[in-house]
Full PDB file with SEQRES, HELIX, SHEET, SSBOND, CRYST1, ORIGX, SCALE, CONECT and MASTER records, all heavy atoms in Angstrom:
SEQRES   1 A   38  GLU ALA ALA ALA PHE ARG LYS GLU GLN GLY ALA ASP VAL          
SEQRES   2 A   38  GLU PRO LEU GLU ARG MET ASN LEU ARG VAL GLU ASN PRO          
SEQRES   3 A   38  ASN LEU GLU GLY VAL ASN LEU GLY ALA LEU PRO GLY              
HELIX    1 AA1 ALA A    2  ASP A   12  1                                  11    
HELIX    2 AA2 PRO A   26  LEU A   28  5                                   3    
HELIX    3 AA3 LEU A   33  ALA A   35  5                                   3    
CRYST1    1.000    1.000    1.000  90.00  90.00  90.00 P 1           1          
ORIGX1      1.000000  0.000000  0.000000        0.00000                         
ORIGX2      0.000000  1.000000  0.000000        0.00000                         
ORIGX3      0.000000  0.000000  1.000000        0.00000                         
SCALE1      1.000000  0.000000  0.000000        0.00000                         
SCALE2      0.000000  1.000000  0.000000        0.00000                         
SCALE3      0.000000  0.000000  1.000000        0.00000                         
ATOM      1  N   GLU A   1      49.029 -13.949   9.597  1.00  0.00           N  
ATOM      2  CA  GLU A   1      48.356 -12.963  10.371  1.00  0.00           C  
ATOM      3  C   GLU A   1      47.687 -11.836   9.519  1.00  0.00           C  
ATOM      4  O   GLU A   1      46.537 -11.461   9.666  1.00  0.00           O  
ATOM      5  CB  GLU A   1      49.225 -12.162  11.324  1.00  0.00           C  
ATOM      6  CG  GLU A   1      49.702 -13.268  12.503  1.00  0.00           C  
ATOM      7  CD  GLU A   1      48.729 -13.590  13.560  1.00  0.00           C  
ATOM      8  OE1 GLU A   1      48.102 -12.611  14.100  1.00  0.00           O  
ATOM      9  OE2 GLU A   1      48.673 -14.781  13.861  1.00  0.00           O  
ATOM     10  N   ALA A   2      48.487 -11.354   8.514  1.00  0.00           N  
ATOM     11  CA  ALA A   2      47.924 -10.327   7.625  1.00  0.00           C  
ATOM     12  C   ALA A   2      46.745 -10.841   6.854  1.00  0.00           C  
ATOM     13  O   ALA A   2      45.710 -10.134   6.693  1.00  0.00           O  
ATOM     14  CB  ALA A   2      49.017  -9.806   6.749  1.00  0.00           C  
ATOM     15  N   ALA A   3      46.836 -12.074   6.376  1.00  0.00           N  
ATOM     16  CA  ALA A   3      45.693 -12.578   5.537  1.00  0.00           C  
ATOM     17  C   ALA A   3      44.471 -12.716   6.512  1.00  0.00           C  
ATOM     18  O   ALA A   3      43.319 -12.511   5.980  1.00  0.00           O  
ATOM     19  CB  ALA A   3      46.276 -13.991   4.920  1.00  0.00           C  
ATOM     20  N   ALA A   4      44.668 -13.304   7.623  1.00  0.00           N  
ATOM     21  CA  ALA A   4      43.572 -13.412   8.486  1.00  0.00           C  
ATOM     22  C   ALA A   4      42.802 -12.159   8.931  1.00  0.00           C  
ATOM     23  O   ALA A   4      41.717 -11.979   9.027  1.00  0.00           O  
ATOM     24  CB  ALA A   4      43.945 -14.119   9.805  1.00  0.00           C  
ATOM     25  N   PHE A   5      43.620 -11.046   9.157  1.00  0.00           N  
ATOM     26  CA  PHE A   5      43.177  -9.701   9.381  1.00  0.00           C  
ATOM     27  C   PHE A   5      42.315  -9.211   8.220  1.00  0.00           C  
ATOM     28  O   PHE A   5      41.307  -8.637   8.399  1.00  0.00           O  
ATOM     29  CB  PHE A   5      44.337  -8.867   9.641  1.00  0.00           C  
ATOM     30  CG  PHE A   5      43.942  -7.357  10.013  1.00  0.00           C  
ATOM     31  CD1 PHE A   5      43.595  -7.159  11.271  1.00  0.00           C  
ATOM     32  CD2 PHE A   5      43.952  -6.386   9.096  1.00  0.00           C  
ATOM     33  CE1 PHE A   5      43.143  -5.776  11.661  1.00  0.00           C  
ATOM     34  CE2 PHE A   5      43.524  -5.201   9.355  1.00  0.00           C  
ATOM     35  CZ  PHE A   5      43.234  -4.820  10.689  1.00  0.00           C  
ATOM     36  N   ARG A   6      42.855  -9.333   6.959  1.00  0.00           N  
ATOM     37  CA  ARG A   6      42.090  -8.910   5.805  1.00  0.00           C  
ATOM     38  C   ARG A   6      40.739  -9.611   5.694  1.00  0.00           C  
ATOM     39  O   ARG A   6      39.709  -8.941   5.444  1.00  0.00           O  
ATOM     40  CB  ARG A   6      42.944  -9.023   4.576  1.00  0.00           C  
ATOM     41  CG  ARG A   6      44.096  -8.121   4.353  1.00  0.00           C  
ATOM     42  CD  ARG A   6      44.544  -8.095   2.906  1.00  0.00           C  
ATOM     43  NE  ARG A   6      45.359  -9.433   2.720  1.00  0.00           N  
ATOM     44  CZ  ARG A   6      46.641  -9.625   3.018  1.00  0.00           C  
ATOM     45  NH1 ARG A   6      47.269  -8.588   3.498  1.00  0.00           N  
ATOM     46  NH2 ARG A   6      47.175 -10.755   2.669  1.00  0.00           N  
ATOM     47  N   LYS A   7      40.814 -10.967   6.046  1.00  0.00           N  
ATOM     48  CA  LYS A   7      39.462 -11.668   5.929  1.00  0.00           C  
ATOM     49  C   LYS A   7      38.501 -11.150   7.102  1.00  0.00           C  
ATOM     50  O   LYS A   7      37.341 -11.047   6.706  1.00  0.00           O  
ATOM     51  CB  LYS A   7      39.826 -13.145   6.243  1.00  0.00           C  
ATOM     52  CG  LYS A   7      38.610 -14.018   6.141  1.00  0.00           C  
ATOM     53  CD  LYS A   7      39.003 -15.538   6.269  1.00  0.00           C  
ATOM     54  CE  LYS A   7      37.802 -16.421   6.041  1.00  0.00           C  
ATOM     55  NZ  LYS A   7      38.196 -17.826   6.250  1.00  0.00           N  
ATOM     56  N   GLU A   8      39.012 -10.885   8.238  1.00  0.00           N  
ATOM     57  CA  GLU A   8      38.181 -10.290   9.392  1.00  0.00           C  
ATOM     58  C   GLU A   8      37.627  -8.927   8.895  1.00  0.00           C  
ATOM     59  O   GLU A   8      36.385  -8.691   9.105  1.00  0.00           O  
ATOM     60  CB  GLU A   8      39.002 -10.080  10.582  1.00  0.00           C  
ATOM     61  CG  GLU A   8      39.400 -11.331  11.238  1.00  0.00           C  
ATOM     62  CD  GLU A   8      40.376 -11.105  12.433  1.00  0.00           C  
ATOM     63  OE1 GLU A   8      40.444  -9.838  12.858  1.00  0.00           O  
ATOM     64  OE2 GLU A   8      40.928 -12.061  12.891  1.00  0.00           O  
ATOM     65  N   GLN A   9      38.435  -8.148   8.328  1.00  0.00           N  
ATOM     66  CA  GLN A   9      37.933  -6.862   7.955  1.00  0.00           C  
ATOM     67  C   GLN A   9      36.877  -6.878   6.871  1.00  0.00           C  
ATOM     68  O   GLN A   9      35.858  -6.226   6.896  1.00  0.00           O  
ATOM     69  CB  GLN A   9      39.042  -5.904   7.371  1.00  0.00           C  
ATOM     70  CG  GLN A   9      39.973  -5.547   8.478  1.00  0.00           C  
ATOM     71  CD  GLN A   9      39.438  -4.661   9.635  1.00  0.00           C  
ATOM     72  OE1 GLN A   9      38.917  -3.600   9.275  1.00  0.00           O  
ATOM     73  NE2 GLN A   9      39.632  -5.107  10.814  1.00  0.00           N  
ATOM     74  N   GLY A  10      37.106  -7.880   5.920  1.00  0.00           N  
ATOM     75  CA  GLY A  10      36.196  -7.949   4.843  1.00  0.00           C  
ATOM     76  C   GLY A  10      34.825  -8.557   5.270  1.00  0.00           C  
ATOM     77  O   GLY A  10      33.756  -8.212   4.687  1.00  0.00           O  
ATOM     78  N   ALA A  11      34.920  -9.384   6.380  1.00  0.00           N  
ATOM     79  CA  ALA A  11      33.619  -9.885   6.954  1.00  0.00           C  
ATOM     80  C   ALA A  11      32.819  -8.826   7.520  1.00  0.00           C  
ATOM     81  O   ALA A  11      31.546  -8.988   7.543  1.00  0.00           O  
ATOM     82  CB  ALA A  11      33.940 -10.994   7.880  1.00  0.00           C  
ATOM     83  N   ASP A  12      33.420  -7.759   7.981  1.00  0.00           N  
ATOM     84  CA  ASP A  12      32.784  -6.696   8.624  1.00  0.00           C  
ATOM     85  C   ASP A  12      32.094  -5.511   7.866  1.00  0.00           C  
ATOM     86  O   ASP A  12      31.263  -4.885   8.182  1.00  0.00           O  
ATOM     87  CB  ASP A  12      33.575  -6.053   9.794  1.00  0.00           C  
ATOM     88  CG  ASP A  12      33.827  -6.929  10.964  1.00  0.00           C  
ATOM     89  OD1 ASP A  12      32.975  -7.828  11.162  1.00  0.00           O  
ATOM     90  OD2 ASP A  12      34.825  -6.797  11.784  1.00  0.00           O  
ATOM     91  N   VAL A  13      32.684  -5.474   6.689  1.00  0.00           N  
ATOM     92  CA  VAL A  13      32.282  -4.446   5.755  1.00  0.00           C  
ATOM     93  C   VAL A  13      31.833  -5.018   4.499  1.00  0.00           C  
ATOM     94  O   VAL A  13      32.615  -5.406   3.682  1.00  0.00           O  
ATOM     95  CB  VAL A  13      33.486  -3.344   5.315  1.00  0.00           C  
ATOM     96  CG1 VAL A  13      33.060  -2.264   4.517  1.00  0.00           C  
ATOM     97  CG2 VAL A  13      34.051  -2.865   6.805  1.00  0.00           C  
ATOM     98  N   GLU A  14      30.593  -5.105   4.261  1.00  0.00           N  
ATOM     99  CA  GLU A  14      29.980  -5.772   3.091  1.00  0.00           C  
ATOM    100  C   GLU A  14      29.965  -4.732   1.970  1.00  0.00           C  
ATOM    101  O   GLU A  14      29.514  -3.625   2.164  1.00  0.00           O  
ATOM    102  CB  GLU A  14      28.527  -6.267   3.367  1.00  0.00           C  
ATOM    103  CG  GLU A  14      28.585  -7.395   4.273  1.00  0.00           C  
ATOM    104  CD  GLU A  14      27.195  -8.103   4.245  1.00  0.00           C  
ATOM    105  OE1 GLU A  14      26.757  -8.576   3.164  1.00  0.00           O  
ATOM    106  OE2 GLU A  14      26.441  -8.149   5.309  1.00  0.00           O  
ATOM    107  N   PRO A  15      30.319  -5.100   0.815  1.00  0.00           N  
ATOM    108  CA  PRO A  15      30.183  -4.262  -0.408  1.00  0.00           C  
ATOM    109  C   PRO A  15      28.825  -4.136  -0.776  1.00  0.00           C  
ATOM    110  O   PRO A  15      27.954  -4.910  -0.519  1.00  0.00           O  
ATOM    111  CB  PRO A  15      31.025  -4.945  -1.492  1.00  0.00           C  
ATOM    112  CG  PRO A  15      30.960  -6.336  -1.060  1.00  0.00           C  
ATOM    113  CD  PRO A  15      30.810  -6.424   0.437  1.00  0.00           C  
ATOM    114  N   LEU A  16      28.485  -2.993  -1.464  1.00  0.00           N  
ATOM    115  CA  LEU A  16      27.047  -2.692  -2.055  1.00  0.00           C  
ATOM    116  C   LEU A  16      27.022  -3.562  -3.419  1.00  0.00           C  
ATOM    117  O   LEU A  16      27.872  -3.561  -4.131  1.00  0.00           O  
ATOM    118  CB  LEU A  16      26.822  -1.228  -2.204  1.00  0.00           C  
ATOM    119  CG  LEU A  16      26.965  -0.362  -0.948  1.00  0.00           C  
ATOM    120  CD1 LEU A  16      26.574   1.038  -1.323  1.00  0.00           C  
ATOM    121  CD2 LEU A  16      25.898  -0.881   0.229  1.00  0.00           C  
ATOM    122  N   GLU A  17      25.798  -4.060  -3.489  1.00  0.00           N  
ATOM    123  CA  GLU A  17      25.403  -4.826  -4.756  1.00  0.00           C  
ATOM    124  C   GLU A  17      24.175  -4.297  -5.263  1.00  0.00           C  
ATOM    125  O   GLU A  17      23.426  -3.480  -4.668  1.00  0.00           O  
ATOM    126  CB  GLU A  17      25.298  -6.269  -4.352  1.00  0.00           C  
ATOM    127  CG  GLU A  17      26.430  -6.947  -3.593  1.00  0.00           C  
ATOM    128  CD  GLU A  17      27.633  -7.288  -4.414  1.00  0.00           C  
ATOM    129  OE1 GLU A  17      27.502  -7.120  -5.675  1.00  0.00           O  
ATOM    130  OE2 GLU A  17      28.738  -7.618  -3.852  1.00  0.00           O  
ATOM    131  N   ARG A  18      23.841  -4.679  -6.567  1.00  0.00           N  
ATOM    132  CA  ARG A  18      22.551  -4.397  -7.253  1.00  0.00           C  
ATOM    133  C   ARG A  18      21.810  -5.626  -7.404  1.00  0.00           C  
ATOM    134  O   ARG A  18      22.414  -6.674  -7.630  1.00  0.00           O  
ATOM    135  CB  ARG A  18      22.933  -3.770  -8.615  1.00  0.00           C  
ATOM    136  CG  ARG A  18      23.722  -2.360  -8.678  1.00  0.00           C  
ATOM    137  CD  ARG A  18      23.682  -1.935 -10.111  1.00  0.00           C  
ATOM    138  NE  ARG A  18      24.419  -0.712 -10.098  1.00  0.00           N  
ATOM    139  CZ  ARG A  18      25.700  -0.601 -10.480  1.00  0.00           C  
ATOM    140  NH1 ARG A  18      26.338  -1.639 -10.854  1.00  0.00           N  
ATOM    141  NH2 ARG A  18      26.341   0.455 -10.652  1.00  0.00           N  
ATOM    142  N   MET A  19      20.489  -5.511  -7.374  1.00  0.00           N  
ATOM    143  CA  MET A  19      19.664  -6.646  -7.563  1.00  0.00           C  
ATOM    144  C   MET A  19      18.406  -6.180  -8.334  1.00  0.00           C  
ATOM    145  O   MET A  19      17.676  -5.150  -7.917  1.00  0.00           O  
ATOM    146  CB  MET A  19      19.262  -7.239  -6.225  1.00  0.00           C  
ATOM    147  CG  MET A  19      18.298  -8.565  -6.326  1.00  0.00           C  
ATOM    148  SD  MET A  19      17.833  -9.200  -4.770  1.00  0.00           S  
ATOM    149  CE  MET A  19      19.382 -10.065  -4.322  1.00  0.00           C  
ATOM    150  N   ASN A  20      18.192  -6.855  -9.402  1.00  0.00           N  
ATOM    151  CA  ASN A  20      16.956  -6.591 -10.289  1.00  0.00           C  
ATOM    152  C   ASN A  20      15.902  -7.487  -9.755  1.00  0.00           C  
ATOM    153  O   ASN A  20      16.036  -8.644  -9.676  1.00  0.00           O  
ATOM    154  CB  ASN A  20      17.279  -6.880 -11.752  1.00  0.00           C  
ATOM    155  CG  ASN A  20      18.198  -5.799 -12.344  1.00  0.00           C  
ATOM    156  OD1 ASN A  20      17.897  -4.697 -12.616  1.00  0.00           O  
ATOM    157  ND2 ASN A  20      19.573  -6.290 -12.324  1.00  0.00           N  
ATOM    158  N   LEU A  21      14.680  -6.955  -9.392  1.00  0.00           N  
ATOM    159  CA  LEU A  21      13.560  -7.680  -8.865  1.00  0.00           C  
ATOM    160  C   LEU A  21      12.292  -7.434  -9.560  1.00  0.00           C  
ATOM    161  O   LEU A  21      12.017  -6.357 -10.216  1.00  0.00           O  
ATOM    162  CB  LEU A  21      13.273  -7.167  -7.412  1.00  0.00           C  
ATOM    163  CG  LEU A  21      14.442  -7.429  -6.377  1.00  0.00           C  
ATOM    164  CD1 LEU A  21      14.144  -6.720  -5.063  1.00  0.00           C  
ATOM    165  CD2 LEU A  21      14.639  -8.892  -6.218  1.00  0.00           C  
ATOM    166  N   ARG A  22      11.450  -8.507  -9.816  1.00  0.00           N  
ATOM    167  CA  ARG A  22      10.065  -8.389 -10.215  1.00  0.00           C  
ATOM    168  C   ARG A  22       9.217  -8.405  -9.161  1.00  0.00           C  
ATOM    169  O   ARG A  22       9.121  -9.161  -8.196  1.00  0.00           O  
ATOM    170  CB  ARG A  22       9.875  -9.677 -11.253  1.00  0.00           C  
ATOM    171  CG  ARG A  22       8.508  -9.488 -11.876  1.00  0.00           C  
ATOM    172  CD  ARG A  22       8.514 -10.628 -12.963  1.00  0.00           C  
ATOM    173  NE  ARG A  22       7.233 -10.520 -13.784  1.00  0.00           N  
ATOM    174  CZ  ARG A  22       6.070 -11.072 -13.460  1.00  0.00           C  
ATOM    175  NH1 ARG A  22       5.856 -11.704 -12.297  1.00  0.00           N  
ATOM    176  NH2 ARG A  22       4.959 -10.805 -14.142  1.00  0.00           N  
ATOM    177  N   VAL A  23       8.321  -7.373  -9.107  1.00  0.00           N  
ATOM    178  CA  VAL A  23       7.160  -7.317  -8.063  1.00  0.00           C  
ATOM    179  C   VAL A  23       6.120  -8.366  -8.300  1.00  0.00           C  
ATOM    180  O   VAL A  23       5.419  -8.406  -9.346  1.00  0.00           O  
ATOM    181  CB  VAL A  23       6.512  -5.872  -8.084  1.00  0.00           C  
ATOM    182  CG1 VAL A  23       5.530  -5.753  -7.044  1.00  0.00           C  
ATOM    183  CG2 VAL A  23       7.577  -4.699  -8.080  1.00  0.00           C  
ATOM    184  N   GLU A  24       6.017  -9.309  -7.195  1.00  0.00           N  
ATOM    185  CA  GLU A  24       5.028 -10.255  -7.274  1.00  0.00           C  
ATOM    186  C   GLU A  24       4.179 -10.224  -6.202  1.00  0.00           C  
ATOM    187  O   GLU A  24       3.172 -11.087  -6.091  1.00  0.00           O  
ATOM    188  CB  GLU A  24       5.786 -11.625  -7.442  1.00  0.00           C  
ATOM    189  CG  GLU A  24       6.569 -11.788  -8.717  1.00  0.00           C  
ATOM    190  CD  GLU A  24       7.517 -13.056  -8.776  1.00  0.00           C  
ATOM    191  OE1 GLU A  24       7.580 -13.789  -7.631  1.00  0.00           O  
ATOM    192  OE2 GLU A  24       7.867 -13.405  -9.878  1.00  0.00           O  
ATOM    193  N   ASN A  25       4.406  -9.608  -5.134  1.00  0.00           N  
ATOM    194  CA  ASN A  25       3.574  -9.581  -3.974  1.00  0.00           C  
ATOM    195  C   ASN A  25       2.312  -8.725  -4.238  1.00  0.00           C  
ATOM    196  O   ASN A  25       2.311  -7.471  -4.497  1.00  0.00           O  
ATOM    197  CB  ASN A  25       4.296  -8.886  -2.831  1.00  0.00           C  
ATOM    198  CG  ASN A  25       3.695  -8.975  -1.548  1.00  0.00           C  
ATOM    199  OD1 ASN A  25       2.460  -9.164  -1.404  1.00  0.00           O  
ATOM    200  ND2 ASN A  25       4.337  -8.697  -0.383  1.00  0.00           N  
ATOM    201  N   PRO A  26       1.125  -9.408  -4.171  1.00  0.00           N  
ATOM    202  CA  PRO A  26      -0.120  -8.763  -4.472  1.00  0.00           C  
ATOM    203  C   PRO A  26      -0.437  -7.602  -3.527  1.00  0.00           C  
ATOM    204  O   PRO A  26      -1.136  -6.665  -3.870  1.00  0.00           O  
ATOM    205  CB  PRO A  26      -1.264  -9.782  -4.436  1.00  0.00           C  
ATOM    206  CG  PRO A  26      -0.554 -10.896  -3.617  1.00  0.00           C  
ATOM    207  CD  PRO A  26       0.991 -10.848  -3.818  1.00  0.00           C  
ATOM    208  N   ASN A  27       0.111  -7.585  -2.308  1.00  0.00           N  
ATOM    209  CA  ASN A  27      -0.129  -6.524  -1.388  1.00  0.00           C  
ATOM    210  C   ASN A  27       0.566  -5.180  -1.771  1.00  0.00           C  
ATOM    211  O   ASN A  27       0.214  -4.211  -1.175  1.00  0.00           O  
ATOM    212  CB  ASN A  27       0.272  -6.956  -0.006  1.00  0.00           C  
ATOM    213  CG  ASN A  27      -0.449  -8.292   0.627  1.00  0.00           C  
ATOM    214  OD1 ASN A  27      -1.685  -8.271   0.351  1.00  0.00           O  
ATOM    215  ND2 ASN A  27       0.142  -9.181   1.186  1.00  0.00           N  
ATOM    216  N   LEU A  28       1.576  -5.383  -2.817  1.00  0.00           N  
ATOM    217  CA  LEU A  28       2.217  -4.042  -3.151  1.00  0.00           C  
ATOM    218  C   LEU A  28       1.503  -3.356  -4.306  1.00  0.00           C  
ATOM    219  O   LEU A  28       2.008  -2.308  -4.758  1.00  0.00           O  
ATOM    220  CB  LEU A  28       3.604  -4.441  -3.586  1.00  0.00           C  
ATOM    221  CG  LEU A  28       4.477  -5.095  -2.361  1.00  0.00           C  
ATOM    222  CD1 LEU A  28       5.885  -5.360  -2.874  1.00  0.00           C  
ATOM    223  CD2 LEU A  28       4.484  -4.181  -1.093  1.00  0.00           C  
ATOM    224  N   GLU A  29       0.346  -3.917  -4.814  1.00  0.00           N  
ATOM    225  CA  GLU A  29      -0.334  -3.247  -5.893  1.00  0.00           C  
ATOM    226  C   GLU A  29      -0.895  -1.896  -5.531  1.00  0.00           C  
ATOM    227  O   GLU A  29      -1.613  -1.694  -4.541  1.00  0.00           O  
ATOM    228  CB  GLU A  29      -1.578  -4.129  -6.336  1.00  0.00           C  
ATOM    229  CG  GLU A  29      -2.434  -3.641  -7.383  1.00  0.00           C  
ATOM    230  CD  GLU A  29      -1.558  -3.414  -8.829  1.00  0.00           C  
ATOM    231  OE1 GLU A  29      -0.819  -4.316  -9.029  1.00  0.00           O  
ATOM    232  OE2 GLU A  29      -1.876  -2.476  -9.489  1.00  0.00           O  
ATOM    233  N   GLY A  30      -0.452  -0.881  -6.335  1.00  0.00           N  
ATOM    234  CA  GLY A  30      -0.761   0.463  -6.053  1.00  0.00           C  
ATOM    235  C   GLY A  30      -0.112   1.257  -4.864  1.00  0.00           C  
ATOM    236  O   GLY A  30      -0.531   2.365  -4.557  1.00  0.00           O  
ATOM    237  N   VAL A  31       0.912   0.555  -4.328  1.00  0.00           N  
ATOM    238  CA  VAL A  31       1.633   1.180  -3.216  1.00  0.00           C  
ATOM    239  C   VAL A  31       2.682   2.178  -3.640  1.00  0.00           C  
ATOM    240  O   VAL A  31       3.390   1.821  -4.696  1.00  0.00           O  
ATOM    241  CB  VAL A  31       2.386   0.122  -2.320  1.00  0.00           C  
ATOM    242  CG1 VAL A  31       3.250   0.724  -1.262  1.00  0.00           C  
ATOM    243  CG2 VAL A  31       1.242  -0.807  -1.661  1.00  0.00           C  
ATOM    244  N   ASN A  32       2.755   3.360  -3.110  1.00  0.00           N  
ATOM    245  CA  ASN A  32       3.792   4.234  -3.379  1.00  0.00           C  
ATOM    246  C   ASN A  32       5.188   3.832  -2.828  1.00  0.00           C  
ATOM    247  O   ASN A  32       5.190   3.088  -1.943  1.00  0.00           O  
ATOM    248  CB  ASN A  32       3.507   5.721  -2.648  1.00  0.00           C  
ATOM    249  CG  ASN A  32       2.418   6.308  -3.350  1.00  0.00           C  
ATOM    250  OD1 ASN A  32       1.958   6.043  -4.456  1.00  0.00           O  
ATOM    251  ND2 ASN A  32       1.856   7.410  -2.669  1.00  0.00           N  
ATOM    252  N   LEU A  33       6.198   4.151  -3.551  1.00  0.00           N  
ATOM    253  CA  LEU A  33       7.454   3.624  -3.255  1.00  0.00           C  
ATOM    254  C   LEU A  33       7.915   4.073  -1.805  1.00  0.00           C  
ATOM    255  O   LEU A  33       8.532   3.332  -1.075  1.00  0.00           O  
ATOM    256  CB  LEU A  33       8.439   4.137  -4.289  1.00  0.00           C  
ATOM    257  CG  LEU A  33      10.013   3.439  -4.151  1.00  0.00           C  
ATOM    258  CD1 LEU A  33       9.789   1.878  -4.455  1.00  0.00           C  
ATOM    259  CD2 LEU A  33      10.873   4.045  -5.092  1.00  0.00           C  
ATOM    260  N   GLY A  34       7.571   5.275  -1.501  1.00  0.00           N  
ATOM    261  CA  GLY A  34       7.899   5.784  -0.221  1.00  0.00           C  
ATOM    262  C   GLY A  34       7.251   5.061   1.012  1.00  0.00           C  
ATOM    263  O   GLY A  34       7.785   5.072   2.098  1.00  0.00           O  
ATOM    264  N   ALA A  35       6.119   4.338   0.637  1.00  0.00           N  
ATOM    265  CA  ALA A  35       5.384   3.655   1.696  1.00  0.00           C  
ATOM    266  C   ALA A  35       5.782   2.042   1.621  1.00  0.00           C  
ATOM    267  O   ALA A  35       4.996   1.250   2.199  1.00  0.00           O  
ATOM    268  CB  ALA A  35       3.998   3.864   1.643  1.00  0.00           C  
ATOM    269  N   LEU A  36       6.656   1.746   0.759  1.00  0.00           N  
ATOM    270  CA  LEU A  36       6.963   0.389   0.564  1.00  0.00           C  
ATOM    271  C   LEU A  36       7.449  -0.390   1.854  1.00  0.00           C  
ATOM    272  O   LEU A  36       8.474   0.111   2.392  1.00  0.00           O  
ATOM    273  CB  LEU A  36       7.968   0.202  -0.620  1.00  0.00           C  
ATOM    274  CG  LEU A  36       8.320  -1.241  -1.033  1.00  0.00           C  
ATOM    275  CD1 LEU A  36       7.082  -1.855  -1.663  1.00  0.00           C  
ATOM    276  CD2 LEU A  36       9.452  -1.243  -2.006  1.00  0.00           C  
ATOM    277  N   PRO A  37       6.805  -1.405   2.373  1.00  0.00           N  
ATOM    278  CA  PRO A  37       7.316  -2.081   3.664  1.00  0.00           C  
ATOM    279  C   PRO A  37       8.627  -2.631   3.430  1.00  0.00           C  
ATOM    280  O   PRO A  37       9.144  -3.209   2.436  1.00  0.00           O  
ATOM    281  CB  PRO A  37       6.217  -3.202   3.815  1.00  0.00           C  
ATOM    282  CG  PRO A  37       5.016  -2.771   2.933  1.00  0.00           C  
ATOM    283  CD  PRO A  37       5.590  -1.998   1.738  1.00  0.00           C  
ATOM    284  N   GLY A  38       9.380  -2.520   4.520  1.00  0.00           N  
ATOM    285  CA  GLY A  38      10.709  -3.049   4.511  1.00  0.00           C  
ATOM    286  C   GLY A  38      11.784  -2.159   3.840  1.00  0.00           C  
ATOM    287  O   GLY A  38      13.004  -2.468   3.995  1.00  0.00           O  
TER     288      GLY A  38                                                      
MASTER        0    0    0    3    0    0    0    6  287    1    0    3          
END                                                                             
């Protein structure tokens, strides 16, 4: 029961991750970061 509970809790609280990205969308050329869609 304890193991199942920990699994349930872990599924609800996702840890934060880092992701390095390369800008390839041509619609983002010259866009300010504050106006970045999404």
